[in-house]
């Protein structure tokens, strides 16, 4: 703990933390502070198999998103420090300077975009419903009945969206990564989230299945503090180069198990 405290104090001294309203030089000074400190602090949600999760052996944060962020940090000449955050705390964490960026499967909603700055989208996904294999529900159209319990991750965009899409339903907020247990125990009737959240579990859990049909489509991107445009733009350039070089396609295939197709109608962008 002493070493961690010393490291934190060193980072604070070398990389001044600006409140989002006080971001200097459009974030250029902030980026230089990251380089001087030698550490990029990244907020994440390591609960999604394939996308961002904890390696069962090493307990390191791995997956599609971490692979991209680790490459970005290498280009900057710094190390990554991962910070696990609740979804409800992510925007506050990045705007307060607790983390330098958010790298999670964050939907690029207009409300969020009014509070932070997003990177270019790196992913397109759709809202999907997941149920147990013995459920009587077959498609999203079957979910308009009264009293159906929808499980959504606390702090996700679906907390507000489900009451609009399914006004007769009951919304049950869940801690990240607990939806499979909630389904099996009957706490919820259906889990609703981005399709990518269900991809890994569907390959290993024979007791769950997706419902037919897609919910709303979303662009996903990384988030930076309001006003931190330089850091955002540098990351965007890195992301473009990754796609042009073909490395992005390789990373996508490794963790997603399918070919990356750069179309808005596919599962990537």
Protein backbone atom coordinates (compact mmCIF):
# COMPACT_ATOMS: atom_id res chain seq x y z
CA UNK A 1 0.00 0.00 0.00
CA UNK A 2 2.93 2.31 0.72
CA UNK A 3 4.29 1.88 -2.81
CA UNK A 4 0.86 2.46 -4.31
CA UNK A 5 0.45 5.63 -2.28
CA UNK A 6 3.88 6.86 -3.33
CA UNK A 7 3.08 6.14 -6.97
CA UNK A 8 -0.21 7.97 -6.69
CA UNK A 9 1.51 10.98 -5.11
CA UNK A 10 4.15 10.98 -7.85
CA UNK A 11 1.50 10.85 -10.55
CA UNK A 12 -0.39 13.69 -8.92
CA UNK A 13 2.72 15.81 -8.80
CA UNK A 14 3.72 15.12 -12.40
CA UNK A 15 0.27 15.09 -14.01
CA UNK A 16 -1.95 17.86 -12.66
CA UNK A 17 -5.61 16.89 -12.51
CA UNK A 18 -7.89 19.46 -14.09
CA UNK A 19 -11.60 19.60 -13.50
CA UNK A 20 -13.35 19.31 -16.85
CA UNK A 21 -14.38 22.98 -16.77
CA UNK A 22 -10.73 23.95 -16.25
CA UNK A 23 -9.11 21.76 -18.93
CA UNK A 24 -6.19 23.81 -20.21
CA UNK A 25 -5.10 24.14 -23.85
CA UNK A 26 -7.87 21.79 -24.97
CA UNK A 27 -6.22 18.95 -23.05
CA UNK A 28 -2.71 19.31 -24.49
CA UNK A 29 -1.23 19.93 -21.04
CA UNK A 30 -3.19 17.00 -19.65
CA UNK A 31 -1.76 14.64 -22.26
CA UNK A 32 1.76 15.82 -21.53
CA UNK A 33 1.09 15.17 -17.85
CA UNK A 34 0.15 11.57 -18.67
CA UNK A 35 3.39 11.11 -20.59
CA UNK A 36 5.49 12.62 -17.81
CA UNK A 37 3.79 10.44 -15.21
CA UNK A 38 4.30 7.36 -17.36
CA UNK A 39 0.82 6.08 -16.53
CA UNK A 40 -2.51 6.12 -18.37
CA UNK A 41 -5.31 5.53 -15.84
CA UNK A 42 -8.24 3.84 -17.56
CA UNK A 43 -11.71 3.23 -16.12
CA UNK A 44 -13.28 -0.05 -17.16
CA UNK A 45 -15.98 -2.64 -16.51
CA UNK A 46 -14.15 -6.01 -16.66
CA UNK A 47 -17.28 -8.16 -16.62
CA UNK A 48 -17.84 -8.89 -20.31
CA UNK A 49 -16.25 -12.02 -21.74
CA UNK A 50 -14.23 -11.32 -24.87
CA UNK A 51 -14.70 -7.56 -24.65
CA UNK A 52 -13.20 -6.68 -21.26
CA UNK A 53 -12.77 -9.24 -18.49
CA UNK A 54 -10.41 -10.57 -15.84
CA UNK A 55 -8.14 -13.39 -16.94
CA UNK A 56 -9.04 -16.34 -14.67
CA UNK A 57 -5.36 -17.22 -14.20
CA UNK A 58 -3.52 -13.90 -14.01
CA UNK A 59 -6.49 -11.70 -12.93
CA UNK A 60 -5.25 -9.13 -15.46
CA UNK A 61 -7.75 -7.06 -17.46
CA UNK A 62 -7.83 -8.56 -20.95
CA UNK A 63 -10.04 -8.63 -24.03
CA UNK A 64 -10.83 -6.67 -27.17
CA UNK A 65 -10.94 -3.24 -25.54
CA UNK A 66 -7.84 -3.72 -23.32
CA UNK A 67 -5.86 -4.93 -26.35
CA UNK A 68 -6.59 -1.64 -28.11
CA UNK A 69 -5.89 0.51 -25.05
CA UNK A 70 -2.62 -1.28 -24.26
CA UNK A 71 -1.46 -0.57 -27.81
CA UNK A 72 -2.41 3.09 -27.44
CA UNK A 73 -0.46 3.35 -24.19
CA UNK A 74 2.55 1.72 -25.83
CA UNK A 75 2.45 4.37 -28.57
CA UNK A 76 2.42 7.07 -25.87
CA UNK A 77 5.28 5.37 -24.05
CA UNK A 78 3.32 4.82 -20.84
CA UNK A 79 1.87 1.97 -18.79
CA UNK A 80 -1.84 1.31 -18.27
CA UNK A 81 -3.39 1.32 -14.81
CA UNK A 82 -6.89 -0.16 -14.90
CA UNK A 83 -9.56 1.13 -12.53
CA UNK A 84 -12.75 -0.92 -12.16
CA UNK A 85 -15.74 1.42 -11.92
CA UNK A 86 -19.47 1.13 -11.44
CA UNK A 87 -21.32 2.38 -14.51
CA UNK A 88 -23.07 5.04 -12.46
CA UNK A 89 -19.69 6.52 -11.49
CA UNK A 90 -17.91 6.53 -14.84
CA UNK A 91 -18.65 10.05 -16.07
CA UNK A 92 -17.83 11.57 -12.70
CA UNK A 93 -14.58 9.61 -12.55
CA UNK A 94 -13.29 10.87 -15.88
CA UNK A 95 -14.46 14.47 -15.39
CA UNK A 96 -12.91 14.67 -11.93
CA UNK A 97 -9.56 13.31 -13.12
CA UNK A 98 -9.77 10.08 -11.16
CA UNK A 99 -9.19 8.33 -14.49
CA UNK A 100 -7.77 9.69 -17.74
CA UNK A 101 -10.29 7.93 -19.97
CA UNK A 102 -13.12 5.42 -19.93
CA UNK A 103 -12.68 2.31 -22.07
CA UNK A 104 -15.83 0.22 -21.78
CA UNK A 105 -18.72 -0.76 -24.01
CA UNK A 106 -20.17 2.71 -23.44
CA UNK A 107 -23.12 3.69 -25.61
CA UNK A 108 -22.63 7.09 -27.19
CA UNK A 109 -25.87 8.72 -26.08
CA UNK A 110 -26.61 12.41 -26.54
CA UNK A 111 -26.96 12.84 -22.78
CA UNK A 112 -23.49 11.42 -22.14
CA UNK A 113 -22.00 13.41 -25.01
CA UNK A 114 -23.23 16.60 -23.33
CA UNK A 115 -21.06 15.81 -20.30
CA UNK A 116 -17.86 14.34 -21.75
CA UNK A 117 -16.14 14.04 -25.15
CA UNK A 118 -16.31 10.76 -27.03
CA UNK A 119 -13.74 9.17 -29.28
CA UNK A 120 -14.70 8.09 -32.77
CA UNK A 121 -17.03 5.09 -32.56
CA UNK A 122 -15.20 1.76 -32.65
CA UNK A 123 -18.24 -0.49 -32.39
CA UNK A 124 -21.88 -0.70 -33.45
CA UNK A 125 -24.20 -2.87 -31.41
CA UNK A 126 -27.89 -3.48 -30.77
CA UNK A 127 -29.95 -3.96 -27.65
CA UNK A 128 -30.75 -7.65 -27.18
CA UNK A 129 -32.86 -9.71 -24.82
CA UNK A 130 -31.49 -12.88 -23.25
CA UNK A 131 -33.61 -15.51 -21.45
CA UNK A 132 -33.24 -19.01 -20.06
CA UNK A 133 -33.62 -21.81 -22.60
CA UNK A 134 -36.93 -22.92 -21.08
CA UNK A 135 -38.49 -19.44 -21.24
CA UNK A 136 -41.78 -19.13 -23.12
CA UNK A 137 -40.61 -15.90 -24.75
CA UNK A 138 -39.32 -16.21 -28.31
CA UNK A 139 -38.87 -12.62 -29.50
CA UNK A 140 -38.80 -9.05 -28.25
CA UNK A 141 -42.40 -8.72 -29.47
CA UNK A 142 -43.43 -11.15 -26.72
CA UNK A 143 -42.23 -8.79 -23.99
CA UNK A 144 -45.08 -6.32 -24.00
CA UNK A 145 -47.02 -8.21 -21.35
CA UNK A 146 -47.51 -6.61 -17.95
CA UNK A 147 -45.16 -7.46 -15.11
CA UNK A 148 -42.24 -8.90 -17.06
CA UNK A 149 -39.06 -8.31 -15.06
CA UNK A 150 -36.21 -6.83 -17.13
CA UNK A 151 -32.70 -7.00 -15.69
CA UNK A 152 -30.45 -4.07 -16.65
CA UNK A 153 -27.02 -3.04 -15.41
CA UNK A 154 -27.14 -0.17 -12.93
CA UNK A 155 -26.02 3.06 -14.61
CA UNK A 156 -26.53 1.76 -18.14
CA UNK A 157 -28.58 3.57 -20.77
CA UNK A 158 -31.19 0.81 -20.55
CA UNK A 159 -32.34 1.90 -17.10
CA UNK A 160 -34.25 4.75 -18.73
CA UNK A 161 -34.89 3.03 -22.05
CA UNK A 162 -36.70 -0.11 -20.89
CA UNK A 163 -39.69 1.78 -19.36
CA UNK A 164 -40.09 3.56 -22.71
CA UNK A 165 -39.82 0.43 -24.86
CA UNK A 166 -41.80 -1.84 -22.55
CA UNK A 167 -44.08 0.42 -20.46
CA UNK A 168 -45.88 -2.48 -18.73
CA UNK A 169 -42.64 -4.08 -17.54
CA UNK A 170 -40.74 -3.96 -14.26
CA UNK A 171 -37.10 -2.82 -14.37
CA UNK A 172 -34.67 -4.57 -12.02
CA UNK A 173 -31.25 -2.91 -11.72
CA UNK A 174 -28.33 -5.31 -11.34
CA UNK A 175 -24.66 -5.04 -10.49
CA UNK A 176 -22.44 -5.49 -13.55
CA UNK A 177 -21.84 -9.11 -14.48
CA UNK A 178 -24.64 -10.61 -12.35
CA UNK A 179 -27.34 -11.05 -15.00
CA UNK A 180 -26.72 -14.78 -15.55
CA UNK A 181 -27.28 -15.57 -11.88
CA UNK A 182 -30.35 -13.31 -11.85
CA UNK A 183 -31.82 -15.20 -14.79
CA UNK A 184 -31.16 -18.63 -13.35
CA UNK A 185 -32.58 -17.71 -9.93
CA UNK A 186 -35.72 -16.16 -11.41
CA UNK A 187 -35.02 -12.67 -10.08
CA UNK A 188 -35.54 -11.46 -13.65
CA UNK A 189 -37.39 -12.86 -16.68
CA UNK A 190 -35.10 -11.34 -19.28
CA UNK A 191 -31.69 -9.66 -19.29
CA UNK A 192 -31.46 -6.68 -21.61
CA UNK A 193 -28.15 -5.18 -22.72
CA UNK A 194 -25.87 -4.67 -25.71
CA UNK A 195 -25.60 -7.80 -27.84
CA UNK A 196 -21.87 -8.03 -27.23
CA UNK A 197 -22.50 -8.53 -23.49
CA UNK A 198 -24.16 -11.85 -24.26
CA UNK A 199 -21.76 -13.13 -26.93
CA UNK A 200 -19.22 -14.81 -24.63
CA UNK A 201 -21.70 -16.37 -22.17
CA UNK A 202 -23.83 -17.79 -25.01
CA UNK A 203 -20.81 -19.80 -26.17
CA UNK A 204 -20.31 -21.41 -22.76
CA UNK A 205 -23.71 -21.40 -21.02
CA UNK A 206 -26.18 -23.83 -22.59
CA UNK A 207 -28.95 -22.65 -20.28
CA UNK A 208 -29.45 -19.25 -21.96
CA UNK A 209 -30.49 -18.04 -25.41
CA UNK A 210 -31.16 -14.77 -27.24
CA UNK A 211 -34.60 -13.61 -28.21
CA UNK A 212 -35.30 -12.86 -31.86
CA UNK A 213 -35.20 -9.22 -32.88
CA UNK A 214 -33.02 -6.21 -32.17
CA UNK A 215 -33.58 -3.29 -29.84
CA UNK A 216 -32.09 0.16 -30.47
CA UNK A 217 -28.73 0.40 -32.24
CA UNK A 218 -25.83 2.15 -30.54
CA UNK A 219 -22.37 3.41 -31.33
CA UNK A 220 -19.78 2.64 -28.68
CA UNK A 221 -16.75 4.79 -27.97
CA UNK A 222 -14.16 5.71 -25.37
CA UNK A 223 -14.79 8.72 -23.15
CA UNK A 224 -12.55 11.61 -22.10
CA UNK A 225 -13.15 14.54 -19.78
CA UNK A 226 -15.12 17.48 -21.14
CA UNK A 227 -12.64 19.76 -22.89
CA UNK A 228 -9.93 17.10 -23.25
CA UNK A 229 -9.95 17.28 -27.04
CA UNK A 230 -6.23 16.79 -27.68
CA UNK A 231 -6.06 13.47 -25.84
CA UNK A 232 -9.26 12.39 -27.61
CA UNK A 233 -7.90 13.38 -31.02
CA UNK A 234 -4.61 11.57 -30.47
CA UNK A 235 -6.54 8.42 -29.56
CA UNK A 236 -8.74 8.82 -32.65
CA UNK A 237 -5.65 8.99 -34.85
CA UNK A 238 -4.29 5.85 -33.21
CA UNK A 239 -7.61 4.08 -33.81
CA UNK A 240 -7.67 5.07 -37.49
CA UNK A 241 -4.11 3.83 -37.99
CA UNK A 242 -4.98 0.56 -36.26
CA UNK A 243 -7.81 -0.04 -38.71
CA UNK A 244 -5.85 0.95 -41.80
CA UNK A 245 -2.92 -1.31 -40.88
CA UNK A 246 -5.15 -4.35 -40.45
CA UNK A 247 -4.26 -4.80 -36.78
CA UNK A 248 -7.78 -3.88 -35.70
CA UNK A 249 -9.22 -6.69 -37.80
CA UNK A 250 -6.77 -9.17 -36.24
CA UNK A 251 -7.66 -8.08 -32.70
CA UNK A 252 -11.36 -8.25 -33.49
CA UNK A 253 -11.11 -11.77 -34.89
CA UNK A 254 -9.04 -12.93 -31.91
CA UNK A 255 -11.53 -11.86 -29.25
CA UNK A 256 -14.86 -11.80 -31.08
CA UNK A 257 -14.41 -14.96 -33.10
CA UNK A 258 -15.81 -13.39 -36.28
CA UNK A 259 -14.43 -11.28 -39.11
CA UNK A 260 -14.53 -7.53 -38.67
CA UNK A 261 -16.82 -5.95 -41.24
CA UNK A 262 -16.57 -2.13 -41.28
CA UNK A 263 -20.26 -1.50 -41.91
CA UNK A 264 -22.78 0.22 -39.67
CA UNK A 265 -25.14 -2.72 -40.04
CA UNK A 266 -22.63 -5.16 -38.61
CA UNK A 267 -21.26 -5.62 -35.11
CA UNK A 268 -18.37 -3.25 -35.63
CA UNK A 269 -17.56 0.14 -37.08
